[in-house]
Amino acid sequence: MKRTRFDGFEVVWRNEVMNMYALDLEQKTNIVKPELSVEWSVHECSVAINIIEQSILEERSAKGDNILVAYSMKNPVAYLFAAKVDTWVGEIDDWFHVAPNEVYLYDAHTLPQYRGKRVYPFLICSAAEYFRKRAFHYVMIFSTARNVDSVKGIERCNAECYEVVNYRNVLGWKCWRYHTGKRHVKSRLGNEI
């Protein structure tokens, strides 16, 4: 499927490939073991975490997003957000409409000195297990194709790529090309509805 739209003239040239992954929570999640001692927690409201701007925490907390944080020696080393409501996907200029009983993991970040130690896939798997226990059916997470380390971390969790979106913005003319594989999730991007 292909969609195009002109949103007015912009001085921009963007070309992005977004891989969209899902974990089926009907099946038990295998937790990826990090290479160092890590604990995690989930927060349903804004908390003071020194590796995230407080304004971002408050904004996302206000819309009902959860934040999952990984700690090493009681210091936050990684985080990701979990949305159960519609969320803007800035990389491809589109809204992601999250279906009931599904959750979208986004904006993950690991401190540079902890990258490559499997903290990111540990946090994804822990989030999947957390939401599985709360009767959610799918967890979705996206990564740009050029972010090879994120793609590897997501695939380490046995997530399946169910769709690839090629997005271009040339001077305000936007084009989305969707390549859909085996899709079980009900959540959709705005241009797919």
N, C-alpha and C. Protein backbone atom coordinates (compact mmCIF):
# COMPACT_ATOMS: atom_id res chain seq x y z
N MET A 1 0.84 -1.17 0.00
CA MET A 1 0.00 0.00 0.00
C MET A 1 0.89 1.24 0.00
N LYS A 2 0.44 2.26 -0.68
CA LYS A 2 1.20 3.52 -0.74
C LYS A 2 0.24 4.67 -0.45
N ARG A 3 0.70 5.62 0.36
CA ARG A 3 -0.08 6.83 0.67
C ARG A 3 0.81 8.04 0.45
N THR A 4 0.24 9.12 -0.08
CA THR A 4 0.98 10.37 -0.24
C THR A 4 0.12 11.51 0.31
N ARG A 5 0.80 12.60 0.68
CA ARG A 5 0.09 13.77 1.21
C ARG A 5 1.03 14.97 1.11
N PHE A 6 0.45 16.14 0.83
CA PHE A 6 1.21 17.38 0.85
C PHE A 6 0.73 18.21 2.02
N ASP A 7 1.64 18.49 2.96
CA ASP A 7 1.29 19.25 4.16
C ASP A 7 1.79 20.68 4.10
N GLY A 8 2.10 21.17 2.93
CA GLY A 8 2.65 22.51 2.81
C GLY A 8 4.15 22.44 2.60
N PHE A 9 4.69 23.46 2.01
CA PHE A 9 6.11 23.49 1.68
C PHE A 9 6.97 23.44 2.94
N GLU A 10 7.96 22.56 2.92
CA GLU A 10 8.95 22.44 4.00
C GLU A 10 10.32 22.35 3.37
N VAL A 11 11.30 22.94 4.02
CA VAL A 11 12.68 22.80 3.55
C VAL A 11 13.25 21.57 4.24
N VAL A 12 12.94 20.42 3.65
CA VAL A 12 13.36 19.17 4.27
C VAL A 12 13.48 18.07 3.22
N TRP A 13 14.40 17.18 3.46
CA TRP A 13 14.55 15.95 2.69
C TRP A 13 14.79 14.84 3.70
N ARG A 14 13.84 13.92 3.79
CA ARG A 14 13.99 12.79 4.72
C ARG A 14 13.65 11.50 4.02
N ASN A 15 14.42 10.50 4.34
CA ASN A 15 14.18 9.16 3.84
C ASN A 15 14.40 8.22 5.01
N GLU A 16 13.38 7.51 5.43
CA GLU A 16 13.48 6.66 6.61
C GLU A 16 12.83 5.31 6.33
N VAL A 17 13.43 4.27 6.86
CA VAL A 17 12.85 2.93 6.80
C VAL A 17 12.60 2.50 8.24
N MET A 18 11.34 2.21 8.56
CA MET A 18 10.95 1.85 9.92
C MET A 18 10.53 0.38 9.95
N ASN A 19 11.20 -0.40 10.79
CA ASN A 19 10.83 -1.80 11.01
C ASN A 19 9.88 -1.86 12.20
N MET A 20 8.74 -2.51 12.02
CA MET A 20 7.73 -2.60 13.07
C MET A 20 7.67 -4.05 13.56
N TYR A 21 7.91 -4.23 14.86
CA TYR A 21 7.98 -5.57 15.46
C TYR A 21 6.86 -5.77 16.45
N ALA A 22 6.50 -7.04 16.67
CA ALA A 22 5.50 -7.39 17.69
C ALA A 22 5.94 -8.65 18.43
N LEU A 23 5.61 -8.68 19.70
CA LEU A 23 5.77 -9.87 20.53
C LEU A 23 4.38 -10.35 20.90
N ASP A 24 4.10 -11.62 20.64
CA ASP A 24 2.81 -12.23 20.98
C ASP A 24 2.84 -12.60 22.46
N LEU A 25 2.01 -11.94 23.25
CA LEU A 25 2.01 -12.16 24.69
C LEU A 25 1.16 -13.35 25.12
N GLU A 26 0.53 -14.02 24.15
CA GLU A 26 -0.19 -15.25 24.47
C GLU A 26 0.83 -16.35 24.80
N GLN A 27 2.06 -16.15 24.35
CA GLN A 27 3.14 -17.09 24.62
C GLN A 27 4.05 -16.50 25.68
N LYS A 28 4.64 -17.37 26.47
CA LYS A 28 5.54 -16.92 27.53
C LYS A 28 6.77 -16.27 26.91
N THR A 29 7.20 -15.17 27.49
CA THR A 29 8.36 -14.42 27.00
C THR A 29 9.63 -14.98 27.64
N ASN A 30 10.64 -15.21 26.81
CA ASN A 30 11.95 -15.59 27.34
C ASN A 30 12.69 -14.31 27.69
N ILE A 31 13.11 -14.19 28.93
CA ILE A 31 13.83 -13.00 29.36
C ILE A 31 15.29 -13.11 28.94
N VAL A 32 15.77 -12.11 28.23
CA VAL A 32 17.18 -12.04 27.84
C VAL A 32 17.98 -11.61 29.07
N LYS A 33 19.00 -12.35 29.38
CA LYS A 33 19.84 -12.04 30.56
C LYS A 33 20.87 -10.99 30.19
N PRO A 34 20.91 -9.88 30.93
CA PRO A 34 21.95 -8.86 30.67
C PRO A 34 23.31 -9.36 31.15
N GLU A 35 24.35 -8.73 30.65
CA GLU A 35 25.72 -9.13 30.99
C GLU A 35 26.22 -8.51 32.28
N LEU A 36 25.35 -7.82 33.00
CA LEU A 36 25.69 -7.26 34.30
C LEU A 36 24.46 -7.34 35.18
N SER A 37 24.62 -7.10 36.44
CA SER A 37 23.50 -7.17 37.38
C SER A 37 22.58 -5.97 37.16
N VAL A 38 21.34 -6.25 36.76
CA VAL A 38 20.37 -5.20 36.44
C VAL A 38 19.03 -5.56 37.06
N GLU A 39 18.39 -4.57 37.64
CA GLU A 39 17.01 -4.70 38.11
C GLU A 39 16.18 -3.69 37.32
N TRP A 40 14.87 -3.87 37.35
CA TRP A 40 14.02 -2.93 36.61
C TRP A 40 12.76 -2.65 37.43
N SER A 41 12.13 -1.55 37.07
CA SER A 41 10.86 -1.19 37.70
C SER A 41 9.99 -0.48 36.68
N VAL A 42 8.70 -0.49 36.94
CA VAL A 42 7.76 0.21 36.07
C VAL A 42 7.07 1.28 36.91
N HIS A 43 6.87 2.43 36.29
CA HIS A 43 6.24 3.56 36.98
C HIS A 43 5.04 4.01 36.16
N GLU A 44 3.93 4.23 36.83
CA GLU A 44 2.72 4.69 36.15
C GLU A 44 2.53 6.19 36.25
N CYS A 45 3.39 6.84 36.99
CA CYS A 45 3.30 8.29 37.11
C CYS A 45 4.72 8.87 37.02
N SER A 46 4.77 10.16 36.89
CA SER A 46 6.05 10.83 36.74
C SER A 46 6.91 10.63 37.99
N VAL A 47 8.14 10.23 37.78
CA VAL A 47 9.10 10.06 38.87
C VAL A 47 10.37 10.82 38.49
N ALA A 48 11.15 11.15 39.47
CA ALA A 48 12.40 11.87 39.20
C ALA A 48 13.48 10.86 38.80
N ILE A 49 13.84 10.88 37.54
CA ILE A 49 14.90 10.01 37.03
C ILE A 49 15.89 10.92 36.31
N ASN A 50 17.12 10.93 36.77
CA ASN A 50 18.08 11.92 36.29
C ASN A 50 18.55 11.73 34.85
N ILE A 51 18.16 10.66 34.18
CA ILE A 51 18.61 10.48 32.80
C ILE A 51 17.52 10.87 31.79
N ILE A 52 16.40 11.42 32.28
CA ILE A 52 15.31 11.87 31.42
C ILE A 52 14.89 13.26 31.86
N GLU A 53 14.59 14.12 30.89
CA GLU A 53 14.10 15.45 31.23
C GLU A 53 12.75 15.33 31.96
N GLN A 54 12.61 16.06 33.04
CA GLN A 54 11.39 15.99 33.86
C GLN A 54 10.16 16.39 33.06
N SER A 55 10.29 17.36 32.15
CA SER A 55 9.13 17.79 31.36
C SER A 55 8.61 16.67 30.46
N ILE A 56 9.51 15.85 29.91
CA ILE A 56 9.11 14.71 29.08
C ILE A 56 8.38 13.69 29.94
N LEU A 57 8.92 13.42 31.12
CA LEU A 57 8.27 12.48 32.04
C LEU A 57 6.86 12.93 32.39
N GLU A 58 6.71 14.20 32.71
CA GLU A 58 5.40 14.73 33.11
C GLU A 58 4.40 14.68 31.96
N GLU A 59 4.86 15.04 30.75
CA GLU A 59 3.99 15.04 29.58
C GLU A 59 3.48 13.62 29.29
N ARG A 60 4.38 12.66 29.31
CA ARG A 60 3.99 11.28 28.98
C ARG A 60 3.20 10.63 30.11
N SER A 61 3.52 11.00 31.30
CA SER A 61 2.75 10.50 32.45
C SER A 61 1.32 11.03 32.39
N ALA A 62 1.15 12.28 31.97
CA ALA A 62 -0.18 12.89 31.87
C ALA A 62 -1.06 12.17 30.85
N LYS A 63 -0.45 11.62 29.81
CA LYS A 63 -1.27 10.89 28.82
C LYS A 63 -1.43 9.42 29.16
N GLY A 64 -0.87 9.00 30.30
CA GLY A 64 -1.09 7.64 30.79
C GLY A 64 -0.01 6.64 30.44
N ASP A 65 1.11 7.09 29.88
CA ASP A 65 2.19 6.17 29.54
C ASP A 65 2.90 5.68 30.79
N ASN A 66 3.39 4.46 30.72
CA ASN A 66 4.25 3.92 31.77
C ASN A 66 5.69 4.15 31.37
N ILE A 67 6.58 4.18 32.35
CA ILE A 67 8.01 4.21 32.06
C ILE A 67 8.64 3.01 32.75
N LEU A 68 9.44 2.28 32.00
CA LEU A 68 10.18 1.15 32.54
C LEU A 68 11.63 1.56 32.62
N VAL A 69 12.23 1.35 33.76
CA VAL A 69 13.60 1.80 34.01
C VAL A 69 14.45 0.62 34.46
N ALA A 70 15.65 0.49 33.87
CA ALA A 70 16.63 -0.51 34.29
C ALA A 70 17.64 0.18 35.19
N TYR A 71 17.99 -0.49 36.28
CA TYR A 71 18.94 0.05 37.25
C TYR A 71 20.12 -0.90 37.40
N SER A 72 21.30 -0.35 37.46
CA SER A 72 22.50 -1.10 37.81
C SER A 72 23.10 -0.42 39.03
N MET A 73 23.26 -1.18 40.10
CA MET A 73 23.77 -0.64 41.36
C MET A 73 22.94 0.58 41.79
N LYS A 74 21.62 0.44 41.64
CA LYS A 74 20.62 1.45 42.05
C LYS A 74 20.67 2.75 41.24
N ASN A 75 21.44 2.76 40.15
CA ASN A 75 21.49 3.93 39.27
C ASN A 75 20.75 3.61 37.98
N PRO A 76 19.89 4.53 37.50
CA PRO A 76 19.19 4.28 36.24
C PRO A 76 20.18 4.25 35.07
N VAL A 77 20.08 3.20 34.25
CA VAL A 77 21.00 3.05 33.12
C VAL A 77 20.27 2.96 31.78
N ALA A 78 18.96 2.70 31.82
CA ALA A 78 18.18 2.59 30.58
C ALA A 78 16.71 2.79 30.91
N TYR A 79 15.95 3.18 29.88
CA TYR A 79 14.51 3.32 30.06
C TYR A 79 13.81 3.13 28.74
N LEU A 80 12.52 2.89 28.81
CA LEU A 80 11.66 2.94 27.64
C LEU A 80 10.26 3.28 28.11
N PHE A 81 9.47 3.85 27.22
CA PHE A 81 8.10 4.23 27.53
C PHE A 81 7.15 3.19 26.95
N ALA A 82 5.99 3.05 27.58
CA ALA A 82 4.96 2.13 27.12
C ALA A 82 3.65 2.91 27.00
N ALA A 83 3.09 2.93 25.79
CA ALA A 83 1.85 3.67 25.52
C ALA A 83 0.70 2.71 25.25
N LYS A 84 -0.44 3.04 25.83
CA LYS A 84 -1.66 2.27 25.58
C LYS A 84 -2.68 3.13 24.84
N VAL A 85 -2.24 4.32 24.43
CA VAL A 85 -3.10 5.25 23.69
C VAL A 85 -2.34 5.70 22.44
N ASP A 86 -3.04 6.40 21.55
CA ASP A 86 -2.43 6.87 20.30
C ASP A 86 -1.18 7.68 20.59
N THR A 87 -0.13 7.42 19.80
CA THR A 87 1.17 8.04 20.03
C THR A 87 1.77 8.48 18.69
N TRP A 88 2.39 9.64 18.69
CA TRP A 88 3.04 10.19 17.51
C TRP A 88 4.37 9.48 17.27
N VAL A 89 4.60 9.04 16.02
CA VAL A 89 5.86 8.41 15.63
C VAL A 89 6.58 9.41 14.74
N GLY A 90 7.47 10.19 15.34
CA GLY A 90 8.12 11.30 14.65
C GLY A 90 9.01 10.88 13.49
N GLU A 91 9.60 9.69 13.56
CA GLU A 91 10.50 9.26 12.49
C GLU A 91 9.79 9.14 11.16
N ILE A 92 8.49 8.84 11.19
CA ILE A 92 7.73 8.68 9.94
C ILE A 92 6.52 9.61 9.88
N ASP A 93 6.49 10.63 10.73
CA ASP A 93 5.42 11.64 10.71
C ASP A 93 4.02 11.04 10.63
N ASP A 94 3.70 10.17 11.57
CA ASP A 94 2.38 9.55 11.57
C ASP A 94 1.98 9.17 13.00
N TRP A 95 0.69 9.07 13.22
CA TRP A 95 0.17 8.61 14.50
C TRP A 95 0.09 7.10 14.50
N PHE A 96 0.40 6.49 15.62
CA PHE A 96 0.21 5.05 15.80
C PHE A 96 -0.99 4.88 16.72
N HIS A 97 -2.05 4.27 16.20
CA HIS A 97 -3.29 4.07 16.95
C HIS A 97 -3.21 2.72 17.65
N VAL A 98 -3.04 2.76 18.96
CA VAL A 98 -2.86 1.55 19.76
C VAL A 98 -4.22 0.94 20.09
N ALA A 99 -4.39 -0.31 19.70
CA ALA A 99 -5.66 -1.02 19.93
C ALA A 99 -5.77 -1.46 21.40
N PRO A 100 -7.00 -1.70 21.86
CA PRO A 100 -7.17 -2.22 23.22
C PRO A 100 -6.40 -3.54 23.38
N ASN A 101 -5.88 -3.79 24.55
CA ASN A 101 -5.12 -5.00 24.87
C ASN A 101 -3.79 -5.10 24.12
N GLU A 102 -3.32 -3.99 23.58
CA GLU A 102 -2.00 -3.94 22.96
C GLU A 102 -1.25 -2.75 23.55
N VAL A 103 0.06 -2.82 23.52
CA VAL A 103 0.88 -1.75 24.09
C VAL A 103 2.05 -1.49 23.16
N TYR A 104 2.41 -0.22 23.03
CA TYR A 104 3.49 0.22 22.15
C TYR A 104 4.65 0.70 23.00
N LEU A 105 5.81 0.06 22.84
CA LEU A 105 7.04 0.47 23.53
C LEU A 105 7.79 1.43 22.63
N TYR A 106 8.26 2.54 23.19
CA TYR A 106 8.92 3.54 22.34
C TYR A 106 9.93 4.36 23.13
N ASP A 107 10.70 5.14 22.40
CA ASP A 107 11.71 6.05 22.95
C ASP A 107 12.62 5.41 23.99
N ALA A 108 13.15 4.26 23.64
CA ALA A 108 14.09 3.58 24.54
C ALA A 108 15.44 4.28 24.48
N HIS A 109 16.14 4.25 25.60
CA HIS A 109 17.48 4.84 25.66
C HIS A 109 18.30 4.07 26.68
N THR A 110 19.53 3.76 26.31
CA THR A 110 20.49 3.13 27.22
C THR A 110 21.71 4.04 27.29
N LEU A 111 22.19 4.29 28.49
CA LEU A 111 23.40 5.11 28.63
C LEU A 111 24.55 4.46 27.85
N PRO A 112 25.39 5.28 27.19
CA PRO A 112 26.43 4.73 26.31
C PRO A 112 27.32 3.66 26.95
N GLN A 113 27.70 3.84 28.20
CA GLN A 113 28.61 2.88 28.83
C GLN A 113 27.94 1.54 29.13
N TYR A 114 26.61 1.44 28.97
CA TYR A 114 25.90 0.18 29.23
C TYR A 114 25.39 -0.47 27.95
N ARG A 115 25.67 0.13 26.81
CA ARG A 115 25.23 -0.44 25.53
C ARG A 115 26.06 -1.68 25.20
N GLY A 116 25.44 -2.61 24.49
CA GLY A 116 26.12 -3.84 24.12
C GLY A 116 26.17 -4.86 25.24
N LYS A 117 25.49 -4.60 26.34
CA LYS A 117 25.50 -5.51 27.49
C LYS A 117 24.13 -6.16 27.71
N ARG A 118 23.30 -6.11 26.69
CA ARG A 118 21.98 -6.73 26.68
C ARG A 118 20.98 -6.13 27.67
N VAL A 119 21.22 -4.90 28.07
CA VAL A 119 20.27 -4.23 28.96
C VAL A 119 18.98 -3.90 28.20
N TYR A 120 19.11 -3.43 26.97
CA TYR A 120 17.96 -3.05 26.14
C TYR A 120 17.02 -4.25 25.90
N PRO A 121 17.52 -5.39 25.39
CA PRO A 121 16.59 -6.51 25.22
C PRO A 121 16.03 -7.04 26.54
N PHE A 122 16.81 -6.96 27.61
CA PHE A 122 16.30 -7.34 28.93
C PHE A 122 15.10 -6.48 29.32
N LEU A 123 15.19 -5.19 29.06
CA LEU A 123 14.10 -4.27 29.40
C LEU A 123 12.87 -4.53 28.53
N ILE A 124 13.08 -4.80 27.24
CA ILE A 124 11.96 -5.12 26.34
C ILE A 124 11.25 -6.39 26.81
N CYS A 125 12.02 -7.44 27.08
CA CYS A 125 11.43 -8.72 27.53
C CYS A 125 10.73 -8.56 28.87
N SER A 126 11.32 -7.78 29.76
CA SER A 126 10.69 -7.54 31.06
C SER A 126 9.37 -6.80 30.89
N ALA A 127 9.35 -5.82 29.99
CA ALA A 127 8.11 -5.09 29.70
C ALA A 127 7.06 -6.04 29.13
N ALA A 128 7.47 -6.90 28.21
CA ALA A 128 6.53 -7.85 27.61
C ALA A 128 5.94 -8.76 28.68
N GLU A 129 6.76 -9.25 29.57
CA GLU A 129 6.28 -10.13 30.64
C GLU A 129 5.34 -9.37 31.59
N TYR A 130 5.69 -8.13 31.90
CA TYR A 130 4.84 -7.29 32.76
C TYR A 130 3.44 -7.12 32.15
N PHE A 131 3.38 -6.80 30.86
CA PHE A 131 2.09 -6.57 30.22
C PHE A 131 1.35 -7.88 29.93
N ARG A 132 2.07 -8.97 29.73
CA ARG A 132 1.43 -10.28 29.56
C ARG A 132 0.65 -10.63 30.82
N LYS A 133 1.24 -10.38 31.98
CA LYS A 133 0.58 -10.69 33.25
C LYS A 133 -0.65 -9.81 33.48
N ARG A 134 -0.78 -8.74 32.72
CA ARG A 134 -1.93 -7.83 32.85
C ARG A 134 -2.91 -8.00 31.69
N ALA A 135 -2.86 -9.16 31.05
CA ALA A 135 -3.82 -9.58 30.02
C ALA A 135 -3.72 -8.80 28.70
N PHE A 136 -2.58 -8.21 28.41
CA PHE A 136 -2.37 -7.61 27.09
C PHE A 136 -2.03 -8.73 26.10
N HIS A 137 -2.35 -8.52 24.82
CA HIS A 137 -2.13 -9.57 23.82
C HIS A 137 -0.84 -9.38 23.02
N TYR A 138 -0.47 -8.13 22.74
CA TYR A 138 0.73 -7.86 21.95
C TYR A 138 1.48 -6.66 22.49
N VAL A 139 2.79 -6.72 22.34
CA VAL A 139 3.67 -5.57 22.57
C VAL A 139 4.30 -5.25 21.22
N MET A 140 4.23 -3.99 20.81
CA MET A 140 4.87 -3.55 19.57
C MET A 140 6.02 -2.62 19.90
N ILE A 141 7.06 -2.71 19.09
CA ILE A 141 8.20 -1.81 19.22
C ILE A 141 8.77 -1.60 17.83
N PHE A 142 9.20 -0.38 17.54
CA PHE A 142 9.71 -0.04 16.21
C PHE A 142 11.16 0.40 16.30
N SER A 143 11.85 0.27 15.18
CA SER A 143 13.21 0.80 15.07
C SER A 143 13.48 1.17 13.63
N THR A 144 14.23 2.24 13.45
CA THR A 144 14.67 2.56 12.10
C THR A 144 15.66 1.49 11.67
N ALA A 145 15.65 1.16 10.39
CA ALA A 145 16.52 0.09 9.87
C ALA A 145 17.99 0.44 10.04
N ARG A 146 18.32 1.73 10.02
CA ARG A 146 19.74 2.12 10.15
C ARG A 146 20.26 1.99 11.58
N ASN A 147 19.36 1.84 12.55
CA ASN A 147 19.76 1.66 13.94
C ASN A 147 19.96 0.16 14.19
N VAL A 148 21.06 -0.36 13.67
CA VAL A 148 21.33 -1.79 13.67
C VAL A 148 21.37 -2.37 15.09
N ASP A 149 21.93 -1.64 16.03
CA ASP A 149 22.00 -2.14 17.41
C ASP A 149 20.61 -2.32 18.02
N SER A 150 19.70 -1.39 17.77
CA SER A 150 18.33 -1.53 18.27
C SER A 150 17.63 -2.71 17.61
N VAL A 151 17.81 -2.84 16.31
CA VAL A 151 17.21 -3.97 15.59
C VAL A 151 17.69 -5.29 16.19
N LYS A 152 19.00 -5.39 16.44
CA LYS A 152 19.55 -6.62 17.04
C LYS A 152 18.95 -6.88 18.42
N GLY A 153 18.84 -5.83 19.23
CA GLY A 153 18.27 -5.98 20.56
C GLY A 153 16.82 -6.44 20.52
N ILE A 154 16.04 -5.88 19.60
CA ILE A 154 14.63 -6.26 19.46
C ILE A 154 14.52 -7.71 18.99
N GLU A 155 15.31 -8.07 18.00
CA GLU A 155 15.26 -9.43 17.46
C GLU A 155 15.77 -10.46 18.46
N ARG A 156 16.64 -10.05 19.36
CA ARG A 156 17.12 -10.95 20.42
C ARG A 156 15.97 -11.39 21.32
N CYS A 157 14.92 -10.58 21.38
CA CYS A 157 13.73 -10.90 22.20
C CYS A 157 12.75 -11.80 21.45
N ASN A 158 13.11 -12.23 20.25
CA ASN A 158 12.25 -13.05 19.39
C ASN A 158 11.02 -12.30 18.90
N ALA A 159 11.11 -10.99 18.81
CA ALA A 159 10.01 -10.20 18.23
C ALA A 159 10.01 -10.43 16.72
N GLU A 160 8.82 -10.46 16.14
CA GLU A 160 8.69 -10.66 14.69
C GLU A 160 8.41 -9.34 14.01
N CYS A 161 9.12 -9.10 12.91
CA CYS A 161 8.88 -7.90 12.10
C CYS A 161 7.61 -8.15 11.28
N TYR A 162 6.57 -7.39 11.56
CA TYR A 162 5.30 -7.60 10.86
C TYR A 162 5.05 -6.56 9.77
N GLU A 163 5.83 -5.48 9.76
CA GLU A 163 5.63 -4.46 8.73
C GLU A 163 6.89 -3.60 8.61
N VAL A 164 7.15 -3.16 7.38
CA VAL A 164 8.24 -2.21 7.13
C VAL A 164 7.62 -1.01 6.41
N VAL A 165 7.93 0.18 6.91
CA VAL A 165 7.41 1.41 6.31
C VAL A 165 8.57 2.19 5.72
N ASN A 166 8.50 2.45 4.42
CA ASN A 166 9.45 3.35 3.75
C ASN A 166 8.79 4.72 3.70
N TYR A 167 9.44 5.71 4.29
CA TYR A 167 8.87 7.05 4.38
C TYR A 167 9.82 8.04 3.72
N ARG A 168 9.23 8.93 2.91
CA ARG A 168 10.01 10.02 2.30
C ARG A 168 9.24 11.32 2.47
N ASN A 169 10.01 12.38 2.74
CA ASN A 169 9.45 13.73 2.78
C ASN A 169 10.38 14.59 1.94
N VAL A 170 9.89 15.01 0.79
CA VAL A 170 10.67 15.86 -0.11
C VAL A 170 9.95 17.19 -0.24
N LEU A 171 10.47 18.20 0.45
CA LEU A 171 9.94 19.56 0.41
C LEU A 171 8.46 19.64 0.78
N GLY A 172 8.02 18.74 1.67
CA GLY A 172 6.64 18.75 2.12
C GLY A 172 5.76 17.68 1.49
N TRP A 173 6.22 17.11 0.37
CA TRP A 173 5.49 15.98 -0.21
C TRP A 173 5.91 14.74 0.54
N LYS A 174 4.94 14.11 1.20
CA LYS A 174 5.23 12.94 2.03
C LYS A 174 4.68 11.68 1.36
N CYS A 175 5.46 10.62 1.45
CA CYS A 175 5.07 9.35 0.85
C CYS A 175 5.40 8.23 1.83
N TRP A 176 4.41 7.38 2.08
CA TRP A 176 4.59 6.20 2.94
C TRP A 176 4.32 4.97 2.09
N ARG A 177 5.23 4.04 2.10
CA ARG A 177 5.05 2.77 1.39
C ARG A 177 5.09 1.66 2.44
N TYR A 178 4.02 0.88 2.51
CA TYR A 178 3.88 -0.15 3.53
C TYR A 178 4.11 -1.53 2.94
N HIS A 179 4.98 -2.30 3.58
CA HIS A 179 5.24 -3.69 3.20
C HIS A 179 4.85 -4.54 4.40
N THR A 180 3.68 -5.14 4.31
CA THR A 180 3.13 -5.87 5.45
C THR A 180 3.36 -7.36 5.28
N GLY A 181 3.86 -7.98 6.34
CA GLY A 181 4.04 -9.43 6.37
C GLY A 181 2.92 -10.06 7.17
N LYS A 182 3.27 -11.02 7.99
CA LYS A 182 2.30 -11.71 8.83
C LYS A 182 1.94 -10.79 10.00
N ARG A 183 0.72 -10.27 9.97
CA ARG A 183 0.31 -9.29 10.99
C ARG A 183 -0.86 -9.85 11.79
N HIS A 184 -0.69 -9.84 13.12
CA HIS A 184 -1.76 -10.26 14.01
C HIS A 184 -2.24 -9.09 14.87
N VAL A 185 -1.43 -8.06 14.98
CA VAL A 185 -1.79 -6.92 15.83
C VAL A 185 -2.94 -6.14 15.19
N LYS A 186 -3.74 -5.52 16.03
CA LYS A 186 -4.85 -4.70 15.54
C LYS A 186 -4.48 -3.22 15.46
N SER A 187 -3.42 -2.82 16.14
CA SER A 187 -2.96 -1.43 16.11
C SER A 187 -2.52 -1.07 14.69
N ARG A 188 -2.75 0.19 14.31
CA ARG A 188 -2.41 0.64 12.96
C ARG A 188 -1.84 2.05 12.98
N LEU A 189 -1.05 2.35 11.96
CA LEU A 189 -0.61 3.72 11.72
C LEU A 189 -1.79 4.49 11.13
N GLY A 190 -1.81 5.80 11.36
CA GLY A 190 -2.91 6.63 10.90
C GLY A 190 -3.16 6.56 9.41
N ASN A 191 -2.11 6.48 8.62
CA ASN A 191 -2.27 6.42 7.17
C ASN A 191 -2.79 5.07 6.68
N GLU A 192 -2.82 4.07 7.55
CA GLU A 192 -3.33 2.76 7.15
C GLU A 192 -4.83 2.62 7.40
N ILE A 193 -5.39 3.56 8.14
CA ILE A 193 -6.81 3.45 8.51
C ILE A 193 -7.68 4.03 7.41
